[in-house]
Amino acid sequence: MKILIINGPNLNNLGSRDSTIYGSMTLSEINDYLLRFANDIGVELSFFQSNHEGGLVDFIQQNTLSSDGILINAGAITHYGLSLK
């Protein structure tokens, strides 16, 4: 099973923003944690992050047929990112 893990705008700045709001883990640390868990249960993960809605859409379109699922944290474009809905 292959799952796409997609992160949107500003999530690449995790770990350097206000830790009382966003926590202290970086996106890389979160991805490493997820990867260890996925390996334990036999799931393949593919990670992608973009600060641009079009980049997220392109990645999804290019990888949908080769994956079994998508987990997306669209960040700030959650409310108005109509192309991702």
PDB file of N, CA and C in Angstrom:
ATOM      1  N   MET A   1       0.844  -1.170   0.000  1.00  0.00           N
ATOM      2  CA  MET A   1       0.000   0.000   0.000  1.00  0.00           C
ATOM      3  C   MET A   1       0.894   1.240   0.000  1.00  0.00           C
ATOM      4  N   LYS A   2       0.544   2.207  -0.841  1.00  0.00           N
ATOM      5  CA  LYS A   2       1.307   3.457  -0.933  1.00  0.00           C
ATOM      6  C   LYS A   2       0.381   4.638  -0.639  1.00  0.00           C
ATOM      7  N   ILE A   3       0.799   5.477   0.290  1.00  0.00           N
ATOM      8  CA  ILE A   3       0.035   6.654   0.694  1.00  0.00           C
ATOM      9  C   ILE A   3       0.861   7.907   0.415  1.00  0.00           C
ATOM     10  N   LEU A   4       0.223   8.907  -0.171  1.00  0.00           N
ATOM     11  CA  LEU A   4       0.859  10.211  -0.393  1.00  0.00           C
ATOM     12  C   LEU A   4       0.599  11.090   0.827  1.00  0.00           C
ATOM     13  N   ILE A   5       1.640  11.670   1.376  1.00  0.00           N
ATOM     14  CA  ILE A   5       1.533  12.608   2.493  1.00  0.00           C
ATOM     15  C   ILE A   5       1.896  13.978   1.941  1.00  0.00           C
ATOM     16  N   ILE A   6       0.904  14.871   1.889  1.00  0.00           N
ATOM     17  CA  ILE A   6       1.077  16.164   1.229  1.00  0.00           C
ATOM     18  C   ILE A   6       0.863  17.287   2.241  1.00  0.00           C
ATOM     19  N   ASN A   7       1.780  18.233   2.261  1.00  0.00           N
ATOM     20  CA  ASN A   7       1.701  19.378   3.157  1.00  0.00           C
ATOM     21  C   ASN A   7       1.740  20.672   2.362  1.00  0.00           C
ATOM     22  N   GLY A   8       0.895  21.608   2.765  1.00  0.00           N
ATOM     23  CA  GLY A   8       0.747  22.861   2.041  1.00  0.00           C
ATOM     24  C   GLY A   8       1.600  23.997   2.585  1.00  0.00           C
ATOM     25  N   PRO A   9       1.175  25.224   2.274  1.00  0.00           N
ATOM     26  CA  PRO A   9       1.948  26.425   2.562  1.00  0.00           C
ATOM     27  C   PRO A   9       2.376  26.572   4.017  1.00  0.00           C
ATOM     28  N   ASN A  10       3.612  27.007   4.170  1.00  0.00           N
ATOM     29  CA  ASN A  10       4.242  27.357   5.441  1.00  0.00           C
ATOM     30  C   ASN A  10       4.547  26.170   6.345  1.00  0.00           C
ATOM     31  N   LEU A  11       4.114  24.974   5.975  1.00  0.00           N
ATOM     32  CA  LEU A  11       4.388  23.832   6.843  1.00  0.00           C
ATOM     33  C   LEU A  11       5.864  23.450   6.809  1.00  0.00           C
ATOM     34  N   ASN A  12       6.585  23.926   5.803  1.00  0.00           N
ATOM     35  CA  ASN A  12       8.040  23.743   5.775  1.00  0.00           C
ATOM     36  C   ASN A  12       8.728  24.567   6.863  1.00  0.00           C
ATOM     37  N   ASN A  13       8.004  25.508   7.470  1.00  0.00           N
ATOM     38  CA  ASN A  13       8.560  26.344   8.534  1.00  0.00           C
ATOM     39  C   ASN A  13       8.292  25.803   9.935  1.00  0.00           C
ATOM     40  N   LEU A  14       7.666  24.633  10.026  1.00  0.00           N
ATOM     41  CA  LEU A  14       7.450  24.051  11.349  1.00  0.00           C
ATOM     42  C   LEU A  14       8.793  23.874  12.042  1.00  0.00           C
ATOM     43  N   GLY A  15       8.797  24.118  13.332  1.00  0.00           N
ATOM     44  CA  GLY A  15      10.035  24.023  14.102  1.00  0.00           C
ATOM     45  C   GLY A  15      10.737  25.353  14.257  1.00  0.00           C
ATOM     46  N   SER A  16      10.411  26.312  13.402  1.00  0.00           N
ATOM     47  CA  SER A  16      11.033  27.632  13.507  1.00  0.00           C
ATOM     48  C   SER A  16      10.010  28.714  13.846  1.00  0.00           C
ATOM     49  N   ARG A  17       8.749  28.327  13.926  1.00  0.00           N
ATOM     50  CA  ARG A  17       7.691  29.276  14.272  1.00  0.00           C
ATOM     51  C   ARG A  17       7.389  29.167  15.766  1.00  0.00           C
ATOM     52  N   ASP A  18       6.460  29.940  16.250  1.00  0.00           N
ATOM     53  CA  ASP A  18       6.107  29.969  17.670  1.00  0.00           C
ATOM     54  C   ASP A  18       5.755  28.565  18.163  1.00  0.00           C
ATOM     55  N   SER A  19       6.622  27.985  18.971  1.00  0.00           N
ATOM     56  CA  SER A  19       6.438  26.598  19.406  1.00  0.00           C
ATOM     57  C   SER A  19       5.245  26.427  20.340  1.00  0.00           C
ATOM     58  N   THR A  20       4.785  27.511  20.968  1.00  0.00           N
ATOM     59  CA  THR A  20       3.604  27.386  21.825  1.00  0.00           C
ATOM     60  C   THR A  20       2.340  27.199  21.004  1.00  0.00           C
ATOM     61  N   ILE A  21       2.392  27.579  19.744  1.00  0.00           N
ATOM     62  CA  ILE A  21       1.244  27.414  18.845  1.00  0.00           C
ATOM     63  C   ILE A  21       1.447  26.221  17.918  1.00  0.00           C
ATOM     64  N   TYR A  22       2.627  26.117  17.323  1.00  0.00           N
ATOM     65  CA  TYR A  22       2.874  25.136  16.264  1.00  0.00           C
ATOM     66  C   TYR A  22       3.679  23.920  16.709  1.00  0.00           C
ATOM     67  N   GLY A  23       4.144  23.908  17.955  1.00  0.00           N
ATOM     68  CA  GLY A  23       4.983  22.813  18.422  1.00  0.00           C
ATOM     69  C   GLY A  23       6.427  23.025  18.001  1.00  0.00           C
ATOM     70  N   SER A  24       7.294  22.111  18.421  1.00  0.00           N
ATOM     71  CA  SER A  24       8.719  22.292  18.154  1.00  0.00           C
ATOM     72  C   SER A  24       9.256  21.350  17.079  1.00  0.00           C
ATOM     73  N   MET A  25       8.444  20.396  16.625  1.00  0.00           N
ATOM     74  CA  MET A  25       8.918  19.449  15.610  1.00  0.00           C
ATOM     75  C   MET A  25       8.965  20.097  14.234  1.00  0.00           C
ATOM     76  N   THR A  26      10.001  19.776  13.482  1.00  0.00           N
ATOM     77  CA  THR A  26      10.085  20.229  12.095  1.00  0.00           C
ATOM     78  C   THR A  26       9.261  19.288  11.217  1.00  0.00           C
ATOM     79  N   LEU A  27       8.990  19.708  10.003  1.00  0.00           N
ATOM     80  CA  LEU A  27       8.265  18.847   9.069  1.00  0.00           C
ATOM     81  C   LEU A  27       9.070  17.581   8.792  1.00  0.00           C
ATOM     82  N   SER A  28      10.365  17.714   8.703  1.00  0.00           N
ATOM     83  CA  SER A  28      11.229  16.557   8.478  1.00  0.00           C
ATOM     84  C   SER A  28      11.131  15.560   9.636  1.00  0.00           C
ATOM     85  N   GLU A  29      11.096  16.059  10.853  1.00  0.00           N
ATOM     86  CA  GLU A  29      10.952  15.183  12.023  1.00  0.00           C
ATOM     87  C   GLU A  29       9.600  14.476  12.027  1.00  0.00           C
ATOM     88  N   ILE A  30       8.556  15.200  11.656  1.00  0.00           N
ATOM     89  CA  ILE A  30       7.223  14.592  11.569  1.00  0.00           C
ATOM     90  C   ILE A  30       7.216  13.508  10.500  1.00  0.00           C
ATOM     91  N   ASN A  31       7.800  13.810   9.342  1.00  0.00           N
ATOM     92  CA  ASN A  31       7.862  12.816   8.263  1.00  0.00           C
ATOM     93  C   ASN A  31       8.649  11.581   8.692  1.00  0.00           C
ATOM     94  N   ASP A  32       9.751  11.770   9.394  1.00  0.00           N
ATOM     95  CA  ASP A  32      10.546  10.636   9.886  1.00  0.00           C
ATOM     96  C   ASP A  32       9.733   9.773  10.843  1.00  0.00           C
ATOM     97  N   TYR A  33       8.977  10.411  11.722  1.00  0.00           N
ATOM     98  CA  TYR A  33       8.117   9.687  12.663  1.00  0.00           C
ATOM     99  C   TYR A  33       7.079   8.859  11.903  1.00  0.00           C
ATOM    100  N   LEU A  34       6.422   9.487  10.929  1.00  0.00           N
ATOM    101  CA  LEU A  34       5.420   8.777  10.124  1.00  0.00           C
ATOM    102  C   LEU A  34       6.043   7.617   9.361  1.00  0.00           C
ATOM    103  N   LEU A  35       7.235   7.833   8.834  1.00  0.00           N
ATOM    104  CA  LEU A  35       7.924   6.796   8.068  1.00  0.00           C
ATOM    105  C   LEU A  35       8.254   5.580   8.935  1.00  0.00           C
ATOM    106  N   ARG A  36       8.705   5.814  10.148  1.00  0.00           N
ATOM    107  CA  ARG A  36       8.993   4.692  11.057  1.00  0.00           C
ATOM    108  C   ARG A  36       7.726   3.897  11.352  1.00  0.00           C
ATOM    109  N   PHE A  37       6.624   4.592  11.614  1.00  0.00           N
ATOM    110  CA  PHE A  37       5.354   3.919  11.877  1.00  0.00           C
ATOM    111  C   PHE A  37       4.894   3.143  10.649  1.00  0.00           C
ATOM    112  N   ALA A  38       4.959   3.771   9.489  1.00  0.00           N
ATOM    113  CA  ALA A  38       4.521   3.125   8.244  1.00  0.00           C
ATOM    114  C   ALA A  38       5.351   1.882   7.954  1.00  0.00           C
ATOM    115  N   ASN A  39       6.654   1.957   8.164  1.00  0.00           N
ATOM    116  CA  ASN A  39       7.517   0.793   7.942  1.00  0.00           C
ATOM    117  C   ASN A  39       7.120  -0.367   8.840  1.00  0.00           C
ATOM    118  N   ASP A  40       6.733  -0.066  10.080  1.00  0.00           N
ATOM    119  CA  ASP A  40       6.318  -1.104  11.025  1.00  0.00           C
ATOM    120  C   ASP A  40       5.067  -1.840  10.565  1.00  0.00           C
ATOM    121  N   ILE A  41       4.209  -1.154   9.816  1.00  0.00           N
ATOM    122  CA  ILE A  41       2.956  -1.784   9.385  1.00  0.00           C
ATOM    123  C   ILE A  41       2.938  -2.102   7.887  1.00  0.00           C
ATOM    124  N   GLY A  42       4.080  -1.946   7.234  1.00  0.00           N
ATOM    125  CA  GLY A  42       4.195  -2.331   5.831  1.00  0.00           C
ATOM    126  C   GLY A  42       3.549  -1.390   4.832  1.00  0.00           C
ATOM    127  N   VAL A  43       3.539  -0.102   5.152  1.00  0.00           N
ATOM    128  CA  VAL A  43       2.954   0.903   4.260  1.00  0.00           C
ATOM    129  C   VAL A  43       4.073   1.782   3.706  1.00  0.00           C
ATOM    130  N   GLU A  44       4.020   2.042   2.404  1.00  0.00           N
ATOM    131  CA  GLU A  44       4.986   2.936   1.756  1.00  0.00           C
ATOM    132  C   GLU A  44       4.423   4.352   1.755  1.00  0.00           C
ATOM    133  N   LEU A  45       5.235   5.316   2.147  1.00  0.00           N
ATOM    134  CA  LEU A  45       4.819   6.716   2.146  1.00  0.00           C
ATOM    135  C   LEU A  45       5.638   7.505   1.141  1.00  0.00           C
ATOM    136  N   SER A  46       4.983   8.475   0.515  1.00  0.00           N
ATOM    137  CA  SER A  46       5.652   9.415  -0.371  1.00  0.00           C
ATOM    138  C   SER A  46       5.298  10.814   0.120  1.00  0.00           C
ATOM    139  N   PHE A  47       6.304  11.646   0.398  1.00  0.00           N
ATOM    140  CA  PHE A  47       6.092  12.965   0.988  1.00  0.00           C
ATOM    141  C   PHE A  47       6.263  14.070  -0.048  1.00  0.00           C
ATOM    142  N   PHE A  48       5.440  15.127   0.112  1.00  0.00           N
ATOM    143  CA  PHE A  48       5.547  16.296  -0.759  1.00  0.00           C
ATOM    144  C   PHE A  48       5.060  17.513   0.014  1.00  0.00           C
ATOM    145  N   GLN A  49       5.742  18.639  -0.177  1.00  0.00           N
ATOM    146  CA  GLN A  49       5.322  19.905   0.411  1.00  0.00           C
ATOM    147  C   GLN A  49       5.495  20.990  -0.630  1.00  0.00           C
ATOM    148  N   SER A  50       4.508  21.895  -0.694  1.00  0.00           N
ATOM    149  CA  SER A  50       4.620  23.047  -1.584  1.00  0.00           C
ATOM    150  C   SER A  50       3.940  24.244  -0.940  1.00  0.00           C
ATOM    151  N   ASN A  51       4.482  25.416  -1.207  1.00  0.00           N
ATOM    152  CA  ASN A  51       3.855  26.655  -0.763  1.00  0.00           C
ATOM    153  C   ASN A  51       2.887  27.197  -1.807  1.00  0.00           C
ATOM    154  N   HIS A  52       2.681  26.444  -2.887  1.00  0.00           N
ATOM    155  CA  HIS A  52       1.854  26.900  -3.998  1.00  0.00           C
ATOM    156  C   HIS A  52       0.749  25.888  -4.291  1.00  0.00           C
ATOM    157  N   GLU A  53      -0.474  26.378  -4.375  1.00  0.00           N
ATOM    158  CA  GLU A  53      -1.615  25.501  -4.634  1.00  0.00           C
ATOM    159  C   GLU A  53      -1.434  24.711  -5.923  1.00  0.00           C
ATOM    160  N   GLY A  54      -0.939  25.359  -6.964  1.00  0.00           N
ATOM    161  CA  GLY A  54      -0.736  24.669  -8.239  1.00  0.00           C
ATOM    162  C   GLY A  54       0.250  23.521  -8.124  1.00  0.00           C
ATOM    163  N   GLY A  55       1.284  23.691  -7.304  1.00  0.00           N
ATOM    164  CA  GLY A  55       2.247  22.614  -7.078  1.00  0.00           C
ATOM    165  C   GLY A  55       1.600  21.414  -6.416  1.00  0.00           C
ATOM    166  N   LEU A  56       0.692  21.674  -5.482  1.00  0.00           N
ATOM    167  CA  LEU A  56      -0.030  20.586  -4.815  1.00  0.00           C
ATOM    168  C   LEU A  56      -0.928  19.854  -5.805  1.00  0.00           C
ATOM    169  N   VAL A  57      -1.649  20.625  -6.624  1.00  0.00           N
ATOM    170  CA  VAL A  57      -2.538  20.027  -7.626  1.00  0.00           C
ATOM    171  C   VAL A  57      -1.731  19.195  -8.618  1.00  0.00           C
ATOM    172  N   ASP A  58      -0.621  19.735  -9.106  1.00  0.00           N
ATOM    173  CA  ASP A  58       0.223  18.990 -10.056  1.00  0.00           C
ATOM    174  C   ASP A  58       0.699  17.674  -9.452  1.00  0.00           C
ATOM    175  N   PHE A  59       1.168  17.713  -8.204  1.00  0.00           N
ATOM    176  CA  PHE A  59       1.665  16.495  -7.564  1.00  0.00           C
ATOM    177  C   PHE A  59       0.554  15.453  -7.429  1.00  0.00           C
ATOM    178  N   ILE A  60      -0.621  15.891  -7.005  1.00  0.00           N
ATOM    179  CA  ILE A  60      -1.747  14.960  -6.860  1.00  0.00           C
ATOM    180  C   ILE A  60      -2.097  14.339  -8.203  1.00  0.00           C
ATOM    181  N   GLN A  61      -2.210  15.156  -9.241  1.00  0.00           N
ATOM    182  CA  GLN A  61      -2.574  14.628 -10.559  1.00  0.00           C
ATOM    183  C   GLN A  61      -1.522  13.666 -11.098  1.00  0.00           C
ATOM    184  N   GLN A  62      -0.258  13.935 -10.842  1.00  0.00           N
ATOM    185  CA  GLN A  62       0.820  13.085 -11.357  1.00  0.00           C
ATOM    186  C   GLN A  62       0.969  11.777 -10.589  1.00  0.00           C
ATOM    187  N   ASN A  63       0.439  11.700  -9.367  1.00  0.00           N
ATOM    188  CA  ASN A  63       0.688  10.539  -8.518  1.00  0.00           C
ATOM    189  C   ASN A  63      -0.552   9.778  -8.073  1.00  0.00           C
ATOM    190  N   THR A  64      -1.733  10.252  -8.417  1.00  0.00           N
ATOM    191  CA  THR A  64      -2.959   9.618  -7.950  1.00  0.00           C
ATOM    192  C   THR A  64      -3.068   8.162  -8.382  1.00  0.00           C
ATOM    193  N   LEU A  65      -2.785   7.862  -9.625  1.00  0.00           N
ATOM    194  CA  LEU A  65      -2.969   6.497 -10.123  1.00  0.00           C
ATOM    195  C   LEU A  65      -1.946   5.517  -9.557  1.00  0.00           C
ATOM    196  N   SER A  66      -0.833   6.020  -9.051  1.00  0.00           N
ATOM    197  CA  SER A  66       0.201   5.131  -8.513  1.00  0.00           C
ATOM    198  C   SER A  66       0.158   5.038  -6.988  1.00  0.00           C
ATOM    199  N   SER A  67      -0.924   5.545  -6.384  1.00  0.00           N
ATOM    200  CA  SER A  67      -1.040   5.490  -4.924  1.00  0.00           C
ATOM    201  C   SER A  67      -2.404   4.940  -4.527  1.00  0.00           C
ATOM    202  N   ASP A  68      -2.490   4.527  -3.271  1.00  0.00           N
ATOM    203  CA  ASP A  68      -3.738   3.969  -2.751  1.00  0.00           C
ATOM    204  C   ASP A  68      -4.521   4.964  -1.913  1.00  0.00           C
ATOM    205  N   GLY A  69      -3.902   6.070  -1.552  1.00  0.00           N
ATOM    206  CA  GLY A  69      -4.583   7.064  -0.742  1.00  0.00           C
ATOM    207  C   GLY A  69      -3.751   8.317  -0.601  1.00  0.00           C
ATOM    208  N   ILE A  70      -4.420   9.372  -0.138  1.00  0.00           N
ATOM    209  CA  ILE A  70      -3.769  10.667   0.045  1.00  0.00           C
ATOM    210  C   ILE A  70      -4.158  11.208   1.413  1.00  0.00           C
ATOM    211  N   LEU A  71      -3.166  11.693   2.144  1.00  0.00           N
ATOM    212  CA  LEU A  71      -3.395  12.432   3.375  1.00  0.00           C
ATOM    213  C   LEU A  71      -2.820  13.818   3.134  1.00  0.00           C
ATOM    214  N   ILE A  72      -3.683  14.836   3.200  1.00  0.00           N
ATOM    215  CA  ILE A  72      -3.223  16.190   2.887  1.00  0.00           C
ATOM    216  C   ILE A  72      -3.545  17.142   4.030  1.00  0.00           C
ATOM    217  N   ASN A  73      -2.543  17.919   4.411  1.00  0.00           N
ATOM    218  CA  ASN A  73      -2.718  19.041   5.309  1.00  0.00           C
ATOM    219  C   ASN A  73      -2.483  20.264   4.435  1.00  0.00           C
ATOM    220  N   ALA A  74      -3.559  20.827   3.923  1.00  0.00           N
ATOM    221  CA  ALA A  74      -3.455  21.927   2.965  1.00  0.00           C
ATOM    222  C   ALA A  74      -3.118  23.255   3.629  1.00  0.00           C
ATOM    223  N   GLY A  75      -3.048  23.272   4.945  1.00  0.00           N
ATOM    224  CA  GLY A  75      -2.656  24.482   5.653  1.00  0.00           C
ATOM    225  C   GLY A  75      -3.576  25.648   5.347  1.00  0.00           C
ATOM    226  N   ALA A  76      -2.989  26.777   5.033  1.00  0.00           N
ATOM    227  CA  ALA A  76      -3.724  28.027   4.849  1.00  0.00           C
ATOM    228  C   ALA A  76      -4.692  28.007   3.671  1.00  0.00           C
ATOM    229  N   ILE A  77      -4.519  27.108   2.720  1.00  0.00           N
ATOM    230  CA  ILE A  77      -5.430  27.107   1.566  1.00  0.00           C
ATOM    231  C   ILE A  77      -6.623  26.170   1.770  1.00  0.00           C
ATOM    232  N   THR A  78      -6.772  25.663   2.983  1.00  0.00           N
ATOM    233  CA  THR A  78      -7.893  24.768   3.279  1.00  0.00           C
ATOM    234  C   THR A  78      -9.236  25.431   2.999  1.00  0.00           C
ATOM    235  N   HIS A  79      -9.374  26.699   3.362  1.00  0.00           N
ATOM    236  CA  HIS A  79     -10.670  27.372   3.253  1.00  0.00           C
ATOM    237  C   HIS A  79     -11.042  27.765   1.830  1.00  0.00           C
ATOM    238  N   TYR A  80     -10.074  28.174   1.027  1.00  0.00           N
ATOM    239  CA  TYR A  80     -10.394  28.710  -0.292  1.00  0.00           C
ATOM    240  C   TYR A  80      -9.694  28.007  -1.437  1.00  0.00           C
ATOM    241  N   GLY A  81      -8.985  26.937  -1.166  1.00  0.00           N
ATOM    242  CA  GLY A  81      -8.283  26.205  -2.216  1.00  0.00           C
ATOM    243  C   GLY A  81      -9.240  25.313  -2.982  1.00  0.00           C
ATOM    244  N   LEU A  82     -10.093  25.919  -3.791  1.00  0.00           N
ATOM    245  CA  LEU A  82     -11.152  25.175  -4.479  1.00  0.00           C
ATOM    246  C   LEU A  82     -10.616  24.085  -5.391  1.00  0.00           C
ATOM    247  N   SER A  83      -9.439  24.264  -5.947  1.00  0.00           N
ATOM    248  CA  SER A  83      -8.900  23.250  -6.858  1.00  0.00           C
ATOM    249  C   SER A  83      -8.481  21.980  -6.121  1.00  0.00           C
ATOM    250  N   LEU A  84      -8.367  22.045  -4.803  1.00  0.00           N
ATOM    251  CA  LEU A  84      -7.986  20.872  -4.016  1.00  0.00           C
ATOM    252  C   LEU A  84      -9.185  20.134  -3.441  1.00  0.00           C
ATOM    253  N   LYS A  85     -10.378  20.654  -3.642  1.00  0.00           N
ATOM    254  CA  LYS A  85     -11.577  20.029  -3.052  1.00  0.00           C
ATOM    255  C   LYS A  85     -12.184  19.022  -3.981  1.00  0.00           C
TER     256      LYS A  85
END
